[in-house]
Amino acid sequence: MRQIAVELAGLYHDVVIFSDVVSLERPDLEEQRNQLIVKINTDKTQLKAIEDRILKLLFESEGNILDNEDLINTLNDSKVHIQQVSIDCQCVVLIISFSQADCLSLPGVE
């Protein structure tokens, strides 16, 4: 367990250094990454609110839940939000990948 903690601390240190290098060499990518991270956090908050609404509607539902249009619409909204969060997360991964490729191609960086 101690080894994992040491490895995670080292990984965190590497990520922080890498983030500093990216922000110096490619501030545009760093800004995009930061904007996407803020958007992802906002989307997560919205998803939590939708989840709470779904649970409330299920709890209050009477009869066949498939007849509850509000519940069906809320479920559809959650699907759209989940897809958007997934796309945003993939964008962050791509930005980080491009940043790594750019930084690794800098002179003196191995």
N, C-alpha and C. Protein backbone atom coordinates (compact mmCIF):
# COMPACT_ATOMS: atom_id res chain seq x y z
N MET A 1 0.82 -1.19 0.00
CA MET A 1 0.00 0.00 0.00
C MET A 1 0.87 1.25 0.00
N ARG A 2 1.95 1.21 0.76
CA ARG A 2 2.85 2.35 0.82
C ARG A 2 3.47 2.61 -0.55
N GLN A 3 3.80 1.54 -1.27
CA GLN A 3 4.40 1.68 -2.59
C GLN A 3 3.43 2.38 -3.55
N ILE A 4 2.16 2.04 -3.47
CA ILE A 4 1.15 2.67 -4.32
C ILE A 4 1.07 4.16 -4.00
N ALA A 5 1.09 4.52 -2.72
CA ALA A 5 1.02 5.93 -2.32
C ALA A 5 2.23 6.69 -2.84
N VAL A 6 3.41 6.07 -2.77
CA VAL A 6 4.63 6.71 -3.27
C VAL A 6 4.54 6.88 -4.78
N GLU A 7 4.05 5.85 -5.48
CA GLU A 7 3.92 5.94 -6.94
C GLU A 7 2.91 7.00 -7.34
N LEU A 8 1.79 7.09 -6.61
CA LEU A 8 0.79 8.11 -6.91
C LEU A 8 1.35 9.51 -6.66
N ALA A 9 2.12 9.67 -5.58
CA ALA A 9 2.72 10.97 -5.30
C ALA A 9 3.69 11.36 -6.41
N GLY A 10 4.47 10.39 -6.88
CA GLY A 10 5.40 10.65 -7.99
C GLY A 10 4.66 10.99 -9.27
N LEU A 11 3.58 10.27 -9.53
CA LEU A 11 2.77 10.54 -10.72
C LEU A 11 2.16 11.94 -10.65
N TYR A 12 1.65 12.30 -9.50
CA TYR A 12 1.07 13.63 -9.32
C TYR A 12 2.14 14.69 -9.58
N HIS A 13 3.34 14.48 -9.05
CA HIS A 13 4.45 15.41 -9.26
C HIS A 13 4.75 15.55 -10.75
N ASP A 14 4.80 14.43 -11.47
CA ASP A 14 5.05 14.46 -12.91
C ASP A 14 3.96 15.22 -13.65
N VAL A 15 2.70 15.01 -13.25
CA VAL A 15 1.58 15.70 -13.90
C VAL A 15 1.68 17.20 -13.67
N VAL A 16 2.03 17.59 -12.46
CA VAL A 16 2.16 19.02 -12.14
C VAL A 16 3.27 19.64 -12.98
N ILE A 17 4.42 18.98 -13.08
CA ILE A 17 5.52 19.49 -13.89
C ILE A 17 5.11 19.55 -15.35
N PHE A 18 4.46 18.50 -15.83
CA PHE A 18 4.01 18.48 -17.23
C PHE A 18 3.03 19.61 -17.50
N SER A 19 2.12 19.84 -16.57
CA SER A 19 1.14 20.91 -16.72
C SER A 19 1.85 22.26 -16.79
N ASP A 20 2.89 22.44 -16.00
CA ASP A 20 3.66 23.69 -16.04
C ASP A 20 4.34 23.87 -17.39
N VAL A 21 4.91 22.78 -17.93
CA VAL A 21 5.58 22.85 -19.23
C VAL A 21 4.56 23.18 -20.32
N VAL A 22 3.41 22.53 -20.28
CA VAL A 22 2.38 22.78 -21.29
C VAL A 22 1.91 24.23 -21.21
N SER A 23 1.70 24.73 -19.99
CA SER A 23 1.21 26.10 -19.86
C SER A 23 2.22 27.11 -20.39
N LEU A 24 3.50 26.77 -20.32
CA LEU A 24 4.53 27.67 -20.88
C LEU A 24 4.65 27.53 -22.39
N GLU A 25 4.64 26.29 -22.87
CA GLU A 25 4.88 26.04 -24.28
C GLU A 25 3.63 26.15 -25.14
N ARG A 26 2.48 25.75 -24.60
CA ARG A 26 1.22 25.78 -25.36
C ARG A 26 0.10 26.32 -24.48
N PRO A 27 0.14 27.61 -24.18
CA PRO A 27 -0.89 28.17 -23.31
C PRO A 27 -2.30 28.03 -23.88
N ASP A 28 -2.40 27.94 -25.21
CA ASP A 28 -3.72 27.77 -25.83
C ASP A 28 -4.33 26.42 -25.44
N LEU A 29 -3.51 25.37 -25.46
CA LEU A 29 -4.01 24.05 -25.07
C LEU A 29 -4.32 23.99 -23.58
N GLU A 30 -3.51 24.64 -22.79
CA GLU A 30 -3.74 24.67 -21.35
C GLU A 30 -5.06 25.39 -21.04
N GLU A 31 -5.34 26.47 -21.76
CA GLU A 31 -6.58 27.21 -21.57
C GLU A 31 -7.79 26.37 -21.98
N GLN A 32 -7.66 25.66 -23.12
CA GLN A 32 -8.75 24.78 -23.56
C GLN A 32 -9.01 23.69 -22.52
N ARG A 33 -7.93 23.12 -22.01
CA ARG A 33 -8.05 22.06 -21.00
C ARG A 33 -8.76 22.59 -19.76
N ASN A 34 -8.35 23.77 -19.30
CA ASN A 34 -8.97 24.36 -18.11
C ASN A 34 -10.45 24.66 -18.34
N GLN A 35 -10.79 25.18 -19.52
CA GLN A 35 -12.20 25.46 -19.82
C GLN A 35 -13.02 24.18 -19.84
N LEU A 36 -12.46 23.12 -20.41
CA LEU A 36 -13.18 21.85 -20.45
C LEU A 36 -13.35 21.26 -19.05
N ILE A 37 -12.35 21.40 -18.22
CA ILE A 37 -12.45 20.88 -16.85
C ILE A 37 -13.55 21.61 -16.09
N VAL A 38 -13.64 22.94 -16.26
CA VAL A 38 -14.70 23.71 -15.62
C VAL A 38 -16.06 23.25 -16.15
N LYS A 39 -16.16 23.06 -17.46
CA LYS A 39 -17.41 22.61 -18.07
C LYS A 39 -17.81 21.23 -17.57
N ILE A 40 -16.84 20.34 -17.46
CA ILE A 40 -17.12 18.98 -16.96
C ILE A 40 -17.66 19.05 -15.54
N ASN A 41 -17.06 19.88 -14.70
CA ASN A 41 -17.54 20.01 -13.32
C ASN A 41 -18.95 20.59 -13.28
N THR A 42 -19.24 21.56 -14.13
CA THR A 42 -20.59 22.11 -14.22
C THR A 42 -21.57 21.04 -14.68
N ASP A 43 -21.16 20.26 -15.68
CA ASP A 43 -22.02 19.18 -16.18
C ASP A 43 -22.28 18.14 -15.11
N LYS A 44 -21.27 17.84 -14.32
CA LYS A 44 -21.45 16.86 -13.24
C LYS A 44 -22.48 17.35 -12.23
N THR A 45 -22.44 18.64 -11.93
CA THR A 45 -23.42 19.22 -11.01
C THR A 45 -24.82 19.10 -11.59
N GLN A 46 -24.94 19.40 -12.89
CA GLN A 46 -26.24 19.28 -13.56
C GLN A 46 -26.71 17.83 -13.58
N LEU A 47 -25.80 16.89 -13.81
CA LEU A 47 -26.18 15.47 -13.81
C LEU A 47 -26.67 15.03 -12.44
N LYS A 48 -26.04 15.54 -11.39
CA LYS A 48 -26.48 15.21 -10.03
C LYS A 48 -27.89 15.73 -9.80
N ALA A 49 -28.18 16.94 -10.28
CA ALA A 49 -29.52 17.51 -10.14
C ALA A 49 -30.53 16.68 -10.92
N ILE A 50 -30.17 16.26 -12.12
CA ILE A 50 -31.07 15.42 -12.93
C ILE A 50 -31.29 14.08 -12.24
N GLU A 51 -30.23 13.51 -11.71
CA GLU A 51 -30.35 12.23 -10.99
C GLU A 51 -31.32 12.37 -9.82
N ASP A 52 -31.17 13.44 -9.05
CA ASP A 52 -32.08 13.68 -7.92
C ASP A 52 -33.52 13.83 -8.40
N ARG A 53 -33.70 14.53 -9.52
CA ARG A 53 -35.05 14.72 -10.07
C ARG A 53 -35.65 13.38 -10.52
N ILE A 54 -34.83 12.54 -11.15
CA ILE A 54 -35.31 11.22 -11.60
C ILE A 54 -35.76 10.39 -10.39
N LEU A 55 -34.94 10.39 -9.35
CA LEU A 55 -35.29 9.62 -8.16
C LEU A 55 -36.58 10.14 -7.52
N LYS A 56 -36.72 11.47 -7.48
CA LYS A 56 -37.94 12.07 -6.93
C LYS A 56 -39.16 11.67 -7.76
N LEU A 57 -39.01 11.76 -9.09
CA LEU A 57 -40.14 11.41 -9.97
C LEU A 57 -40.50 9.93 -9.85
N LEU A 58 -39.49 9.08 -9.72
CA LEU A 58 -39.76 7.65 -9.54
C LEU A 58 -40.48 7.40 -8.22
N PHE A 59 -40.03 8.09 -7.18
CA PHE A 59 -40.64 7.91 -5.86
C PHE A 59 -42.10 8.37 -5.86
N GLU A 60 -42.37 9.47 -6.55
CA GLU A 60 -43.72 10.04 -6.56
C GLU A 60 -44.62 9.44 -7.63
N SER A 61 -44.05 8.65 -8.51
CA SER A 61 -44.81 8.12 -9.64
C SER A 61 -45.89 7.15 -9.18
N GLU A 62 -47.03 7.27 -9.84
CA GLU A 62 -48.13 6.36 -9.57
C GLU A 62 -48.53 5.71 -10.88
N GLY A 63 -48.85 4.44 -10.84
CA GLY A 63 -49.25 3.73 -12.05
C GLY A 63 -48.02 3.35 -12.88
N ASN A 64 -48.23 3.29 -14.16
CA ASN A 64 -47.17 2.89 -15.09
C ASN A 64 -46.18 4.06 -15.27
N ILE A 65 -44.91 3.82 -14.95
CA ILE A 65 -43.92 4.90 -15.04
C ILE A 65 -43.68 5.33 -16.50
N LEU A 66 -44.00 4.45 -17.44
CA LEU A 66 -43.83 4.80 -18.85
C LEU A 66 -44.85 5.84 -19.31
N ASP A 67 -45.91 6.03 -18.54
CA ASP A 67 -46.91 7.04 -18.86
C ASP A 67 -46.54 8.41 -18.29
N ASN A 68 -45.48 8.45 -17.48
CA ASN A 68 -45.06 9.70 -16.84
C ASN A 68 -44.14 10.46 -17.81
N GLU A 69 -44.73 11.41 -18.55
CA GLU A 69 -43.97 12.14 -19.57
C GLU A 69 -42.82 12.95 -18.97
N ASP A 70 -43.05 13.52 -17.80
CA ASP A 70 -42.00 14.31 -17.14
C ASP A 70 -40.78 13.43 -16.84
N LEU A 71 -41.04 12.22 -16.36
CA LEU A 71 -39.96 11.28 -16.07
C LEU A 71 -39.23 10.88 -17.34
N ILE A 72 -39.96 10.57 -18.39
CA ILE A 72 -39.34 10.17 -19.67
C ILE A 72 -38.50 11.31 -20.22
N ASN A 73 -39.01 12.54 -20.17
CA ASN A 73 -38.26 13.70 -20.66
C ASN A 73 -36.99 13.91 -19.83
N THR A 74 -37.10 13.74 -18.53
CA THR A 74 -35.93 13.90 -17.65
C THR A 74 -34.89 12.83 -17.95
N LEU A 75 -35.34 11.60 -18.19
CA LEU A 75 -34.40 10.53 -18.56
C LEU A 75 -33.70 10.84 -19.88
N ASN A 76 -34.44 11.37 -20.84
CA ASN A 76 -33.84 11.75 -22.12
C ASN A 76 -32.83 12.88 -21.94
N ASP A 77 -33.17 13.86 -21.10
CA ASP A 77 -32.23 14.94 -20.82
C ASP A 77 -30.95 14.42 -20.20
N SER A 78 -31.08 13.46 -19.29
CA SER A 78 -29.89 12.91 -18.64
C SER A 78 -29.01 12.19 -19.65
N LYS A 79 -29.61 11.52 -20.60
CA LYS A 79 -28.85 10.83 -21.65
C LYS A 79 -28.02 11.82 -22.45
N VAL A 80 -28.64 12.94 -22.83
CA VAL A 80 -27.93 13.97 -23.60
C VAL A 80 -26.77 14.54 -22.78
N HIS A 81 -27.02 14.84 -21.50
CA HIS A 81 -25.97 15.39 -20.64
C HIS A 81 -24.81 14.40 -20.48
N ILE A 82 -25.14 13.15 -20.29
CA ILE A 82 -24.09 12.13 -20.12
C ILE A 82 -23.24 12.04 -21.38
N GLN A 83 -23.86 12.08 -22.53
CA GLN A 83 -23.10 12.04 -23.79
C GLN A 83 -22.19 13.25 -23.91
N GLN A 84 -22.67 14.43 -23.50
CA GLN A 84 -21.85 15.64 -23.59
C GLN A 84 -20.67 15.58 -22.63
N VAL A 85 -20.89 15.09 -21.42
CA VAL A 85 -19.79 14.95 -20.47
C VAL A 85 -18.75 13.98 -21.02
N SER A 86 -19.20 12.90 -21.62
CA SER A 86 -18.29 11.92 -22.21
C SER A 86 -17.46 12.55 -23.32
N ILE A 87 -18.09 13.35 -24.17
CA ILE A 87 -17.37 14.03 -25.26
C ILE A 87 -16.35 15.00 -24.68
N ASP A 88 -16.74 15.76 -23.66
CA ASP A 88 -15.82 16.71 -23.04
C ASP A 88 -14.62 16.01 -22.41
N CYS A 89 -14.87 14.87 -21.76
CA CYS A 89 -13.76 14.11 -21.17
C CYS A 89 -12.81 13.61 -22.25
N GLN A 90 -13.36 13.16 -23.36
CA GLN A 90 -12.52 12.70 -24.47
C GLN A 90 -11.70 13.86 -25.03
N CYS A 91 -12.27 15.06 -25.07
CA CYS A 91 -11.54 16.24 -25.54
C CYS A 91 -10.36 16.55 -24.62
N VAL A 92 -10.58 16.45 -23.31
CA VAL A 92 -9.49 16.69 -22.37
C VAL A 92 -8.36 15.69 -22.60
N VAL A 93 -8.72 14.43 -22.79
CA VAL A 93 -7.71 13.40 -23.05
C VAL A 93 -6.94 13.71 -24.33
N LEU A 94 -7.65 14.13 -25.38
CA LEU A 94 -6.98 14.47 -26.64
C LEU A 94 -6.06 15.67 -26.47
N ILE A 95 -6.51 16.68 -25.76
CA ILE A 95 -5.67 17.86 -25.53
C ILE A 95 -4.41 17.47 -24.77
N ILE A 96 -4.56 16.65 -23.75
CA ILE A 96 -3.39 16.20 -22.99
C ILE A 96 -2.46 15.39 -23.88
N SER A 97 -3.02 14.53 -24.73
CA SER A 97 -2.20 13.73 -25.63
C SER A 97 -1.43 14.61 -26.61
N PHE A 98 -2.12 15.60 -27.20
CA PHE A 98 -1.45 16.52 -28.12
C PHE A 98 -0.38 17.32 -27.38
N SER A 99 -0.68 17.73 -26.16
CA SER A 99 0.28 18.49 -25.38
C SER A 99 1.53 17.66 -25.11
N GLN A 100 1.33 16.39 -24.76
CA GLN A 100 2.47 15.51 -24.51
C GLN A 100 3.31 15.35 -25.77
N ALA A 101 2.66 15.15 -26.90
CA ALA A 101 3.39 14.99 -28.15
C ALA A 101 4.17 16.24 -28.50
N ASP A 102 3.56 17.41 -28.30
CA ASP A 102 4.25 18.67 -28.56
C ASP A 102 5.45 18.85 -27.64
N CYS A 103 5.24 18.58 -26.36
CA CYS A 103 6.32 18.80 -25.39
C CYS A 103 7.45 17.80 -25.57
N LEU A 104 7.11 16.57 -25.95
CA LEU A 104 8.15 15.57 -26.16
C LEU A 104 8.96 15.85 -27.41
N SER A 105 8.42 16.64 -28.32
CA SER A 105 9.17 16.97 -29.54
C SER A 105 10.02 18.21 -29.36
N LEU A 106 9.99 18.84 -28.17
CA LEU A 106 10.82 20.01 -27.91
C LEU A 106 12.28 19.60 -27.81
N PRO A 107 13.20 20.43 -28.27
CA PRO A 107 14.62 20.11 -28.14
C PRO A 107 15.01 19.93 -26.67
N GLY A 108 15.77 18.90 -26.41
CA GLY A 108 16.25 18.65 -25.05
C GLY A 108 15.28 17.90 -24.16
N VAL A 109 14.13 17.54 -24.68
CA VAL A 109 13.14 16.79 -23.90
C VAL A 109 13.10 15.36 -24.41
N GLU A 110 13.28 14.43 -23.50
CA GLU A 110 13.28 13.02 -23.90
C GLU A 110 12.09 12.32 -23.32
